Amino acid sequence: MSVLVDQPIWNYRDEKWSHLVSDTSYDELHRFANRVGLRRIGFQGDHYDIPQRLLSRAHAAGAIHTESRELVRRLRGAGLRKPRGAPSWEPLVQLGANATTHDLALAISAVAEQGAVAAELAEQVERLWSTLGGPIHRVFALHRPGEVAVAFDTDHQIEIVSNGPAEVWTTDTANYQAVDLLLSHARAQQPDLAD
């Protein structure tokens, strides 16, 4: 296991940020990022941006500090460096604090308009939401070529069992639980092994 983090020199939203990568696999990186409090939708194709305030948690969990050039060299050596110009998330719907069930329905509708695969994700989000029955604080739907996502924040601490084609990630933060559902076209087209 080699999760690497570079120095926090990039400014964004009044914070300094670093890059968090794995030179082993994206799966390792996703699990590590989740443990230190980063949302799954924060994955940037080959890294997560991590705020300086979470660096001590990342180091305590085993991240190795390295220079940015070494971090990129290790990514390339592992074949995990994304190509230049790889697409980023584009927002479909973004709703703020005190979002309602109606707001979530808007996000679901925006995702469903992305096609049949996205409609499966929308159905999965609706099933999940019906089990929560509580307040949500932000809702957003995102897309990029081959992938769609719905994310929201809730006060409820919930254990989610995936009941659909999407990856479901929950991340505990200081103030809420973040829930991210992601669906790639490739994943949606895989046969269900449980059948």
N, C-alpha and C. Protein backbone atom coordinates (compact mmCIF):
# COMPACT_ATOMS: atom_id res chain seq x y z
N MET A 1 0.84 -1.19 0.00
CA MET A 1 0.00 0.00 0.00
C MET A 1 0.87 1.23 0.00
N SER A 2 0.64 2.11 -0.98
CA SER A 2 1.33 3.39 -1.01
C SER A 2 0.36 4.49 -1.37
N VAL A 3 -0.14 5.16 -0.35
CA VAL A 3 -0.94 6.36 -0.57
C VAL A 3 -0.02 7.53 -0.30
N LEU A 4 0.00 8.46 -1.24
CA LEU A 4 0.92 9.58 -1.18
C LEU A 4 0.15 10.89 -1.12
N VAL A 5 0.75 11.88 -0.47
CA VAL A 5 0.17 13.21 -0.42
C VAL A 5 1.30 14.23 -0.57
N ASP A 6 1.02 15.28 -1.33
CA ASP A 6 2.05 16.31 -1.52
C ASP A 6 1.76 17.51 -0.62
N GLN A 7 2.57 18.54 -0.75
CA GLN A 7 2.45 19.69 0.12
C GLN A 7 1.21 20.53 -0.24
N PRO A 8 0.60 21.16 0.75
CA PRO A 8 -0.61 21.96 0.51
C PRO A 8 -0.25 23.36 0.01
N ILE A 9 -0.15 23.51 -1.30
CA ILE A 9 0.23 24.81 -1.85
C ILE A 9 -0.83 25.41 -2.76
N TRP A 10 -1.91 24.66 -3.05
CA TRP A 10 -2.94 25.16 -3.97
C TRP A 10 -4.05 25.81 -3.16
N ASN A 11 -4.39 27.04 -3.50
CA ASN A 11 -5.44 27.78 -2.81
C ASN A 11 -6.79 27.57 -3.48
N TYR A 12 -7.81 27.30 -2.65
CA TYR A 12 -9.18 27.18 -3.15
C TYR A 12 -10.11 27.37 -1.96
N ARG A 13 -11.09 28.25 -2.12
CA ARG A 13 -12.08 28.52 -1.07
C ARG A 13 -11.43 28.81 0.28
N ASP A 14 -10.47 29.69 0.28
CA ASP A 14 -9.80 30.15 1.49
C ASP A 14 -9.09 29.04 2.26
N GLU A 15 -8.70 27.98 1.57
CA GLU A 15 -7.93 26.90 2.19
C GLU A 15 -6.78 26.53 1.27
N LYS A 16 -5.78 25.89 1.87
CA LYS A 16 -4.69 25.30 1.10
C LYS A 16 -5.01 23.83 0.88
N TRP A 17 -4.66 23.31 -0.31
CA TRP A 17 -5.01 21.95 -0.69
C TRP A 17 -3.79 21.19 -1.19
N SER A 18 -3.84 19.88 -1.01
CA SER A 18 -2.83 18.94 -1.49
C SER A 18 -3.51 17.94 -2.41
N HIS A 19 -2.70 17.09 -3.03
CA HIS A 19 -3.20 15.98 -3.83
C HIS A 19 -2.97 14.68 -3.06
N LEU A 20 -3.94 13.80 -3.09
CA LEU A 20 -3.86 12.49 -2.46
C LEU A 20 -3.97 11.44 -3.56
N VAL A 21 -2.99 10.54 -3.67
CA VAL A 21 -2.98 9.53 -4.73
C VAL A 21 -2.57 8.18 -4.16
N SER A 22 -2.80 7.15 -4.95
CA SER A 22 -2.28 5.81 -4.67
C SER A 22 -1.44 5.40 -5.86
N ASP A 23 -0.31 4.77 -5.60
CA ASP A 23 0.48 4.23 -6.70
C ASP A 23 0.24 2.73 -6.84
N THR A 24 -0.85 2.26 -6.22
CA THR A 24 -1.21 0.84 -6.30
C THR A 24 -2.50 0.64 -7.09
N SER A 25 -3.59 1.31 -6.66
CA SER A 25 -4.87 1.14 -7.37
C SER A 25 -5.83 2.27 -6.97
N TYR A 26 -6.80 2.49 -7.85
CA TYR A 26 -7.85 3.46 -7.52
C TYR A 26 -8.72 2.95 -6.38
N ASP A 27 -8.97 1.64 -6.33
CA ASP A 27 -9.78 1.10 -5.23
C ASP A 27 -9.14 1.41 -3.88
N GLU A 28 -7.84 1.22 -3.78
CA GLU A 28 -7.13 1.55 -2.54
C GLU A 28 -7.30 3.03 -2.21
N LEU A 29 -7.17 3.87 -3.22
CA LEU A 29 -7.30 5.31 -3.02
C LEU A 29 -8.70 5.67 -2.55
N HIS A 30 -9.73 5.10 -3.17
CA HIS A 30 -11.11 5.41 -2.77
C HIS A 30 -11.36 5.02 -1.32
N ARG A 31 -10.94 3.84 -0.92
CA ARG A 31 -11.14 3.39 0.47
C ARG A 31 -10.39 4.30 1.45
N PHE A 32 -9.16 4.66 1.12
CA PHE A 32 -8.36 5.52 1.99
C PHE A 32 -9.00 6.90 2.10
N ALA A 33 -9.39 7.47 0.97
CA ALA A 33 -10.01 8.80 0.98
C ALA A 33 -11.27 8.81 1.83
N ASN A 34 -12.06 7.75 1.73
CA ASN A 34 -13.28 7.66 2.53
C ASN A 34 -12.95 7.63 4.02
N ARG A 35 -11.91 6.89 4.40
CA ARG A 35 -11.53 6.80 5.82
C ARG A 35 -11.11 8.16 6.39
N VAL A 36 -10.51 9.02 5.56
CA VAL A 36 -10.06 10.31 6.09
C VAL A 36 -11.09 11.42 5.90
N GLY A 37 -12.28 11.08 5.36
CA GLY A 37 -13.36 12.05 5.29
C GLY A 37 -13.56 12.75 3.97
N LEU A 38 -13.08 12.16 2.87
CA LEU A 38 -13.28 12.74 1.54
C LEU A 38 -14.41 12.01 0.83
N ARG A 39 -15.25 12.77 0.15
CA ARG A 39 -16.37 12.20 -0.59
C ARG A 39 -15.88 11.47 -1.83
N ARG A 40 -16.61 10.44 -2.23
CA ARG A 40 -16.26 9.68 -3.44
C ARG A 40 -16.36 10.55 -4.69
N ILE A 41 -17.31 11.47 -4.74
CA ILE A 41 -17.43 12.33 -5.92
C ILE A 41 -16.27 13.31 -6.03
N GLY A 42 -15.42 13.37 -5.02
CA GLY A 42 -14.25 14.23 -5.07
C GLY A 42 -13.10 13.66 -5.88
N PHE A 43 -13.25 12.43 -6.37
CA PHE A 43 -12.19 11.80 -7.16
C PHE A 43 -12.02 12.56 -8.46
N GLN A 44 -10.79 12.95 -8.76
CA GLN A 44 -10.49 13.79 -9.92
C GLN A 44 -9.91 13.00 -11.10
N GLY A 45 -10.16 11.72 -11.17
CA GLY A 45 -9.68 10.91 -12.28
C GLY A 45 -8.42 10.14 -11.96
N ASP A 46 -7.56 10.69 -11.10
CA ASP A 46 -6.39 9.96 -10.63
C ASP A 46 -5.96 10.40 -9.23
N HIS A 47 -6.69 11.36 -8.66
CA HIS A 47 -6.34 11.86 -7.32
C HIS A 47 -7.56 12.47 -6.65
N TYR A 48 -7.42 12.71 -5.36
CA TYR A 48 -8.37 13.52 -4.61
C TYR A 48 -7.64 14.79 -4.19
N ASP A 49 -8.36 15.91 -4.19
CA ASP A 49 -7.84 17.11 -3.56
C ASP A 49 -8.20 17.00 -2.09
N ILE A 50 -7.22 17.27 -1.22
CA ILE A 50 -7.44 17.14 0.22
C ILE A 50 -7.07 18.45 0.90
N PRO A 51 -7.98 19.01 1.71
CA PRO A 51 -7.67 20.27 2.38
C PRO A 51 -6.62 20.08 3.48
N GLN A 52 -5.88 21.12 3.73
CA GLN A 52 -4.82 21.07 4.73
C GLN A 52 -5.34 20.61 6.09
N ARG A 53 -6.58 20.96 6.43
CA ARG A 53 -7.14 20.59 7.74
C ARG A 53 -7.29 19.08 7.90
N LEU A 54 -7.28 18.30 6.80
CA LEU A 54 -7.39 16.84 6.90
C LEU A 54 -6.05 16.13 6.74
N LEU A 55 -4.97 16.88 6.55
CA LEU A 55 -3.67 16.23 6.33
C LEU A 55 -3.20 15.41 7.52
N SER A 56 -3.41 15.90 8.73
CA SER A 56 -2.96 15.13 9.89
C SER A 56 -3.70 13.80 9.97
N ARG A 57 -4.97 13.79 9.62
CA ARG A 57 -5.74 12.54 9.59
C ARG A 57 -5.20 11.60 8.52
N ALA A 58 -4.84 12.15 7.35
CA ALA A 58 -4.29 11.32 6.27
C ALA A 58 -2.94 10.73 6.67
N HIS A 59 -2.10 11.55 7.30
CA HIS A 59 -0.79 11.04 7.73
C HIS A 59 -0.96 9.97 8.81
N ALA A 60 -1.89 10.19 9.74
CA ALA A 60 -2.13 9.20 10.79
C ALA A 60 -2.64 7.88 10.21
N ALA A 61 -3.36 7.95 9.10
CA ALA A 61 -3.88 6.75 8.46
C ALA A 61 -2.85 6.06 7.56
N GLY A 62 -1.67 6.70 7.40
CA GLY A 62 -0.60 6.05 6.65
C GLY A 62 -0.16 6.71 5.37
N ALA A 63 -0.73 7.87 5.02
CA ALA A 63 -0.29 8.56 3.80
C ALA A 63 1.15 9.02 3.96
N ILE A 64 1.91 8.87 2.89
CA ILE A 64 3.32 9.24 2.89
C ILE A 64 3.46 10.59 2.20
N HIS A 65 4.11 11.54 2.89
CA HIS A 65 4.35 12.86 2.30
C HIS A 65 5.44 12.76 1.25
N THR A 66 5.21 13.38 0.11
CA THR A 66 6.21 13.39 -0.96
C THR A 66 6.08 14.69 -1.75
N GLU A 67 7.09 14.99 -2.51
CA GLU A 67 7.06 16.17 -3.38
C GLU A 67 6.11 15.92 -4.55
N SER A 68 5.56 16.99 -5.11
CA SER A 68 4.58 16.87 -6.20
C SER A 68 5.16 16.13 -7.40
N ARG A 69 6.40 16.42 -7.76
CA ARG A 69 7.00 15.76 -8.92
C ARG A 69 7.13 14.25 -8.69
N GLU A 70 7.49 13.86 -7.49
CA GLU A 70 7.61 12.43 -7.17
C GLU A 70 6.23 11.77 -7.20
N LEU A 71 5.23 12.46 -6.71
CA LEU A 71 3.87 11.96 -6.71
C LEU A 71 3.43 11.66 -8.16
N VAL A 72 3.65 12.58 -9.07
CA VAL A 72 3.28 12.39 -10.48
C VAL A 72 4.11 11.27 -11.10
N ARG A 73 5.39 11.22 -10.79
CA ARG A 73 6.26 10.16 -11.33
C ARG A 73 5.74 8.78 -10.90
N ARG A 74 5.33 8.66 -9.63
CA ARG A 74 4.83 7.38 -9.12
C ARG A 74 3.49 7.01 -9.77
N LEU A 75 2.63 8.00 -9.98
CA LEU A 75 1.37 7.75 -10.68
C LEU A 75 1.62 7.22 -12.09
N ARG A 76 2.50 7.89 -12.82
CA ARG A 76 2.82 7.45 -14.18
C ARG A 76 3.42 6.05 -14.17
N GLY A 77 4.34 5.80 -13.26
CA GLY A 77 4.98 4.49 -13.17
C GLY A 77 3.99 3.37 -12.90
N ALA A 78 2.93 3.68 -12.19
CA ALA A 78 1.90 2.67 -11.88
C ALA A 78 0.84 2.58 -12.97
N GLY A 79 0.93 3.45 -13.98
CA GLY A 79 -0.08 3.47 -15.04
C GLY A 79 -1.41 4.05 -14.59
N LEU A 80 -1.39 4.88 -13.54
CA LEU A 80 -2.62 5.44 -12.97
C LEU A 80 -2.81 6.93 -13.24
N ARG A 81 -1.94 7.53 -14.00
CA ARG A 81 -2.05 8.96 -14.31
C ARG A 81 -3.12 9.15 -15.38
N LYS A 82 -4.09 10.02 -15.10
CA LYS A 82 -5.14 10.26 -16.09
C LYS A 82 -4.57 11.09 -17.24
N PRO A 83 -5.11 10.91 -18.43
CA PRO A 83 -4.64 11.70 -19.56
C PRO A 83 -5.05 13.16 -19.43
N ARG A 84 -4.25 14.03 -20.00
CA ARG A 84 -4.61 15.46 -20.00
C ARG A 84 -5.96 15.64 -20.68
N GLY A 85 -6.74 16.55 -20.15
CA GLY A 85 -8.03 16.84 -20.74
C GLY A 85 -9.13 15.87 -20.38
N ALA A 86 -8.87 14.94 -19.44
CA ALA A 86 -9.93 14.02 -19.01
C ALA A 86 -11.07 14.86 -18.42
N PRO A 87 -12.33 14.50 -18.72
CA PRO A 87 -13.46 15.34 -18.31
C PRO A 87 -13.67 15.38 -16.81
N SER A 88 -14.07 16.54 -16.33
CA SER A 88 -14.42 16.74 -14.92
C SER A 88 -15.94 16.66 -14.79
N TRP A 89 -16.40 16.61 -13.54
CA TRP A 89 -17.84 16.63 -13.29
C TRP A 89 -18.43 17.95 -13.77
N GLU A 90 -19.61 17.86 -14.36
CA GLU A 90 -20.40 19.03 -14.73
C GLU A 90 -21.69 18.97 -13.93
N PRO A 91 -22.09 20.08 -13.32
CA PRO A 91 -23.32 20.04 -12.51
C PRO A 91 -24.57 19.99 -13.37
N LEU A 92 -25.52 19.18 -12.94
CA LEU A 92 -26.85 19.15 -13.53
C LEU A 92 -27.80 19.95 -12.65
N VAL A 93 -27.72 19.72 -11.33
CA VAL A 93 -28.55 20.41 -10.34
C VAL A 93 -27.71 20.60 -9.10
N GLN A 94 -27.76 21.78 -8.50
CA GLN A 94 -27.11 22.03 -7.21
C GLN A 94 -28.10 22.79 -6.34
N LEU A 95 -28.41 22.22 -5.18
CA LEU A 95 -29.37 22.81 -4.27
C LEU A 95 -28.72 22.95 -2.90
N GLY A 96 -29.02 24.02 -2.21
CA GLY A 96 -28.33 24.32 -0.97
C GLY A 96 -28.98 23.76 0.28
N ALA A 97 -28.70 24.45 1.37
CA ALA A 97 -29.19 24.04 2.69
C ALA A 97 -30.70 23.92 2.69
N ASN A 98 -31.18 23.06 3.55
CA ASN A 98 -32.62 22.84 3.73
C ASN A 98 -33.31 22.37 2.46
N ALA A 99 -32.63 21.55 1.69
CA ALA A 99 -33.25 20.97 0.51
C ALA A 99 -34.42 20.10 0.95
N THR A 100 -35.38 19.97 0.07
CA THR A 100 -36.59 19.22 0.39
C THR A 100 -36.65 17.95 -0.46
N THR A 101 -37.65 17.15 -0.18
CA THR A 101 -37.88 15.97 -0.99
C THR A 101 -38.13 16.37 -2.44
N HIS A 102 -38.82 17.49 -2.64
CA HIS A 102 -39.06 17.99 -3.99
C HIS A 102 -37.73 18.33 -4.68
N ASP A 103 -36.80 18.91 -3.92
CA ASP A 103 -35.48 19.24 -4.48
C ASP A 103 -34.75 17.97 -4.90
N LEU A 104 -34.84 16.96 -4.08
CA LEU A 104 -34.21 15.68 -4.44
C LEU A 104 -34.85 15.13 -5.71
N ALA A 105 -36.16 15.30 -5.83
CA ALA A 105 -36.85 14.84 -7.05
C ALA A 105 -36.32 15.58 -8.28
N LEU A 106 -36.01 16.87 -8.14
CA LEU A 106 -35.43 17.63 -9.25
C LEU A 106 -34.09 17.04 -9.67
N ALA A 107 -33.27 16.71 -8.67
CA ALA A 107 -31.96 16.12 -8.96
C ALA A 107 -32.13 14.78 -9.66
N ILE A 108 -33.06 13.98 -9.17
CA ILE A 108 -33.32 12.68 -9.77
C ILE A 108 -33.79 12.84 -11.21
N SER A 109 -34.67 13.80 -11.43
CA SER A 109 -35.17 14.05 -12.78
C SER A 109 -34.05 14.47 -13.72
N ALA A 110 -33.16 15.32 -13.24
CA ALA A 110 -32.04 15.77 -14.08
C ALA A 110 -31.14 14.60 -14.45
N VAL A 111 -30.93 13.70 -13.52
CA VAL A 111 -30.11 12.53 -13.81
C VAL A 111 -30.84 11.61 -14.79
N ALA A 112 -32.12 11.39 -14.57
CA ALA A 112 -32.88 10.48 -15.43
C ALA A 112 -32.86 10.96 -16.89
N GLU A 113 -32.79 12.26 -17.10
CA GLU A 113 -32.75 12.81 -18.46
C GLU A 113 -31.45 12.47 -19.18
N GLN A 114 -30.48 11.92 -18.47
CA GLN A 114 -29.20 11.55 -19.09
C GLN A 114 -29.28 10.22 -19.82
N GLY A 115 -30.43 9.56 -19.79
CA GLY A 115 -30.60 8.32 -20.55
C GLY A 115 -31.05 7.15 -19.68
N ALA A 116 -31.18 6.00 -20.32
CA ALA A 116 -31.72 4.81 -19.65
C ALA A 116 -30.85 4.37 -18.49
N VAL A 117 -29.53 4.41 -18.67
CA VAL A 117 -28.63 4.00 -17.59
C VAL A 117 -28.82 4.91 -16.38
N ALA A 118 -28.90 6.22 -16.64
CA ALA A 118 -29.08 7.17 -15.55
C ALA A 118 -30.44 6.99 -14.88
N ALA A 119 -31.43 6.58 -15.63
CA ALA A 119 -32.75 6.35 -15.04
C ALA A 119 -32.68 5.25 -13.98
N GLU A 120 -31.81 4.25 -14.18
CA GLU A 120 -31.61 3.21 -13.16
C GLU A 120 -31.07 3.82 -11.88
N LEU A 121 -30.13 4.76 -12.01
CA LEU A 121 -29.58 5.44 -10.85
C LEU A 121 -30.68 6.25 -10.16
N ALA A 122 -31.48 6.95 -10.94
CA ALA A 122 -32.57 7.75 -10.36
C ALA A 122 -33.51 6.87 -9.54
N GLU A 123 -33.84 5.69 -10.04
CA GLU A 123 -34.71 4.77 -9.30
C GLU A 123 -34.04 4.32 -8.00
N GLN A 124 -32.75 4.05 -8.06
CA GLN A 124 -32.02 3.63 -6.86
C GLN A 124 -32.00 4.74 -5.82
N VAL A 125 -31.81 5.99 -6.25
CA VAL A 125 -31.82 7.12 -5.32
C VAL A 125 -33.19 7.25 -4.68
N GLU A 126 -34.25 7.10 -5.45
CA GLU A 126 -35.60 7.19 -4.89
C GLU A 126 -35.84 6.11 -3.84
N ARG A 127 -35.39 4.88 -4.10
CA ARG A 127 -35.55 3.80 -3.11
C ARG A 127 -34.77 4.13 -1.83
N LEU A 128 -33.55 4.63 -2.00
CA LEU A 128 -32.74 5.00 -0.84
C LEU A 128 -33.41 6.12 -0.05
N TRP A 129 -33.85 7.14 -0.74
CA TRP A 129 -34.47 8.27 -0.06
C TRP A 129 -35.70 7.85 0.72
N SER A 130 -36.47 6.92 0.20
CA SER A 130 -37.69 6.50 0.90
C SER A 130 -37.35 5.81 2.23
N THR A 131 -36.15 5.26 2.36
CA THR A 131 -35.75 4.64 3.63
C THR A 131 -35.20 5.65 4.62
N LEU A 132 -34.80 6.84 4.15
CA LEU A 132 -34.22 7.84 5.06
C LEU A 132 -35.29 8.60 5.82
N GLY A 133 -36.18 9.24 5.08
CA GLY A 133 -37.26 9.99 5.69
C GLY A 133 -36.80 11.11 6.60
N GLY A 134 -35.70 11.75 6.30
CA GLY A 134 -35.21 12.82 7.15
C GLY A 134 -34.65 13.98 6.36
N PRO A 135 -34.18 14.99 7.07
CA PRO A 135 -33.72 16.20 6.39
C PRO A 135 -32.43 15.97 5.60
N ILE A 136 -32.33 16.71 4.49
CA ILE A 136 -31.11 16.74 3.73
C ILE A 136 -30.66 18.20 3.64
N HIS A 137 -29.37 18.40 3.50
CA HIS A 137 -28.85 19.77 3.55
C HIS A 137 -28.33 20.27 2.22
N ARG A 138 -27.89 19.40 1.38
CA ARG A 138 -27.47 19.76 0.03
C ARG A 138 -27.81 18.59 -0.86
N VAL A 139 -28.15 18.91 -2.09
CA VAL A 139 -28.37 17.87 -3.09
C VAL A 139 -27.70 18.36 -4.36
N PHE A 140 -26.98 17.48 -5.01
CA PHE A 140 -26.46 17.83 -6.31
C PHE A 140 -26.39 16.61 -7.20
N ALA A 141 -26.65 16.84 -8.47
CA ALA A 141 -26.53 15.82 -9.49
C ALA A 141 -25.44 16.28 -10.45
N LEU A 142 -24.60 15.34 -10.86
CA LEU A 142 -23.44 15.64 -11.69
C LEU A 142 -23.35 14.64 -12.84
N HIS A 143 -22.65 15.05 -13.89
CA HIS A 143 -22.39 14.09 -14.96
C HIS A 143 -21.07 14.42 -15.63
N ARG A 144 -20.50 13.41 -16.25
CA ARG A 144 -19.37 13.53 -17.15
C ARG A 144 -19.50 12.37 -18.12
N PRO A 145 -18.80 12.39 -19.23
CA PRO A 145 -19.00 11.32 -20.20
C PRO A 145 -18.88 9.93 -19.57
N GLY A 146 -19.94 9.15 -19.72
CA GLY A 146 -19.94 7.78 -19.22
C GLY A 146 -20.27 7.61 -17.76
N GLU A 147 -20.60 8.71 -17.05
CA GLU A 147 -20.82 8.60 -15.61
C GLU A 147 -21.81 9.66 -15.13
N VAL A 148 -22.69 9.29 -14.20
CA VAL A 148 -23.60 10.22 -13.55
C VAL A 148 -23.55 9.99 -12.05
N ALA A 149 -23.95 11.02 -11.28
CA ALA A 149 -23.92 10.89 -9.82
C ALA A 149 -25.02 11.75 -9.20
N VAL A 150 -25.49 11.29 -8.05
CA VAL A 150 -26.36 12.07 -7.18
C VAL A 150 -25.72 12.04 -5.81
N ALA A 151 -25.63 13.19 -5.17
CA ALA A 151 -25.02 13.27 -3.84
C ALA A 151 -25.87 14.15 -2.95
N PHE A 152 -25.90 13.80 -1.66
CA PHE A 152 -26.61 14.64 -0.70
C PHE A 152 -26.00 14.46 0.68
N ASP A 153 -26.34 15.37 1.58
CA ASP A 153 -25.88 15.34 2.96
C ASP A 153 -27.11 15.18 3.85
N THR A 154 -26.95 14.39 4.92
CA THR A 154 -28.07 14.15 5.83
C THR A 154 -27.56 14.12 7.27
N ASP A 155 -28.47 14.42 8.21
CA ASP A 155 -28.14 14.32 9.63
C ASP A 155 -28.15 12.88 10.10
N HIS A 156 -28.85 12.01 9.38
CA HIS A 156 -29.00 10.62 9.79
C HIS A 156 -27.71 9.85 9.57
N GLN A 157 -27.33 9.07 10.55
CA GLN A 157 -26.24 8.12 10.37
C GLN A 157 -26.89 6.85 9.85
N ILE A 158 -26.60 6.53 8.62
CA ILE A 158 -27.27 5.40 8.00
C ILE A 158 -26.25 4.41 7.48
N GLU A 159 -26.63 3.17 7.51
CA GLU A 159 -25.82 2.13 6.88
C GLU A 159 -26.55 1.74 5.62
N ILE A 160 -25.89 1.93 4.50
CA ILE A 160 -26.54 1.71 3.22
C ILE A 160 -26.10 0.39 2.63
N VAL A 161 -27.07 -0.37 2.23
CA VAL A 161 -26.81 -1.58 1.47
C VAL A 161 -27.24 -1.27 0.04
N SER A 162 -26.33 -1.39 -0.88
CA SER A 162 -26.64 -1.06 -2.26
C SER A 162 -27.75 -1.95 -2.78
N ASN A 163 -28.78 -1.34 -3.32
CA ASN A 163 -29.89 -2.10 -3.87
C ASN A 163 -30.12 -1.67 -5.32
N GLY A 164 -29.04 -1.53 -6.05
CA GLY A 164 -29.13 -1.13 -7.44
C GLY A 164 -27.76 -1.13 -8.08
N PRO A 165 -27.66 -0.63 -9.30
CA PRO A 165 -26.41 -0.72 -10.04
C PRO A 165 -25.34 0.28 -9.63
N ALA A 166 -25.68 1.30 -8.88
CA ALA A 166 -24.72 2.36 -8.56
C ALA A 166 -23.78 1.97 -7.42
N GLU A 167 -22.60 2.56 -7.43
CA GLU A 167 -21.72 2.51 -6.26
C GLU A 167 -22.33 3.45 -5.24
N VAL A 168 -22.42 3.04 -3.99
CA VAL A 168 -22.96 3.89 -2.94
C VAL A 168 -21.87 4.07 -1.89
N TRP A 169 -21.52 5.32 -1.63
CA TRP A 169 -20.48 5.65 -0.64
C TRP A 169 -21.06 6.59 0.39
N THR A 170 -20.80 6.30 1.65
CA THR A 170 -21.14 7.24 2.72
C THR A 170 -19.84 7.68 3.38
N THR A 171 -19.79 8.95 3.71
CA THR A 171 -18.61 9.52 4.35
C THR A 171 -19.06 10.32 5.55
N ASP A 172 -18.54 9.98 6.71
CA ASP A 172 -18.86 10.73 7.92
C ASP A 172 -17.99 11.98 7.97
N THR A 173 -18.63 13.12 8.15
CA THR A 173 -17.92 14.37 8.32
C THR A 173 -18.22 14.88 9.73
N ALA A 174 -17.67 16.01 10.07
CA ALA A 174 -17.88 16.55 11.41
C ALA A 174 -19.34 16.90 11.67
N ASN A 175 -20.09 17.29 10.62
CA ASN A 175 -21.43 17.81 10.83
C ASN A 175 -22.56 16.96 10.25
N TYR A 176 -22.25 16.05 9.36
CA TYR A 176 -23.30 15.31 8.68
C TYR A 176 -22.71 14.05 8.05
N GLN A 177 -23.60 13.25 7.46
CA GLN A 177 -23.16 12.11 6.68
C GLN A 177 -23.38 12.45 5.21
N ALA A 178 -22.33 12.30 4.42
CA ALA A 178 -22.38 12.55 2.99
C ALA A 178 -22.70 11.24 2.29
N VAL A 179 -23.63 11.27 1.36
CA VAL A 179 -24.03 10.08 0.61
C VAL A 179 -23.81 10.38 -0.88
N ASP A 180 -23.01 9.53 -1.54
CA ASP A 180 -22.71 9.69 -2.97
C ASP A 180 -23.11 8.41 -3.68
N LEU A 181 -23.90 8.55 -4.74
CA LEU A 181 -24.26 7.42 -5.59
C LEU A 181 -23.70 7.71 -6.98
N LEU A 182 -22.87 6.81 -7.50
CA LEU A 182 -22.23 6.99 -8.80
C LEU A 182 -22.55 5.81 -9.69
N LEU A 183 -22.79 6.10 -10.94
CA LEU A 183 -23.08 5.04 -11.89
C LEU A 183 -22.32 5.31 -13.18
N SER A 184 -21.48 4.37 -13.55
CA SER A 184 -20.81 4.46 -14.85
C SER A 184 -21.58 3.59 -15.82
N HIS A 185 -21.55 3.96 -17.09
CA HIS A 185 -22.25 3.17 -18.09
C HIS A 185 -21.69 1.74 -18.12
N ALA A 186 -20.39 1.61 -17.95
CA ALA A 186 -19.77 0.28 -17.96
C ALA A 186 -20.30 -0.56 -16.80
N ARG A 187 -20.41 0.02 -15.61
CA ARG A 187 -20.91 -0.72 -14.45
C ARG A 187 -22.36 -1.11 -14.64
N ALA A 188 -23.15 -0.20 -15.20
CA ALA A 188 -24.58 -0.48 -15.39
C ALA A 188 -24.80 -1.63 -16.36
N GLN A 189 -23.87 -1.83 -17.28
CA GLN A 189 -24.06 -2.86 -18.29
C GLN A 189 -23.49 -4.21 -17.86
N GLN A 190 -22.86 -4.28 -16.68
CA GLN A 190 -22.35 -5.56 -16.18
C GLN A 190 -23.52 -6.40 -15.69
N PRO A 191 -23.49 -7.71 -15.92
CA PRO A 191 -24.58 -8.55 -15.41
C PRO A 191 -24.55 -8.60 -13.90
N ASP A 192 -25.72 -8.70 -13.30
CA ASP A 192 -25.83 -8.81 -11.85
C ASP A 192 -25.42 -10.23 -11.44
N LEU A 193 -24.33 -10.33 -10.69
CA LEU A 193 -23.80 -11.64 -10.32
C LEU A 193 -24.68 -12.35 -9.30
N ALA A 194 -25.58 -11.61 -8.66
CA ALA A 194 -26.45 -12.23 -7.66
C ALA A 194 -27.58 -13.03 -8.30
N ASP A 195 -27.86 -12.77 -9.57
CA ASP A 195 -28.95 -13.48 -10.26
C ASP A 195 -28.61 -14.91 -10.55
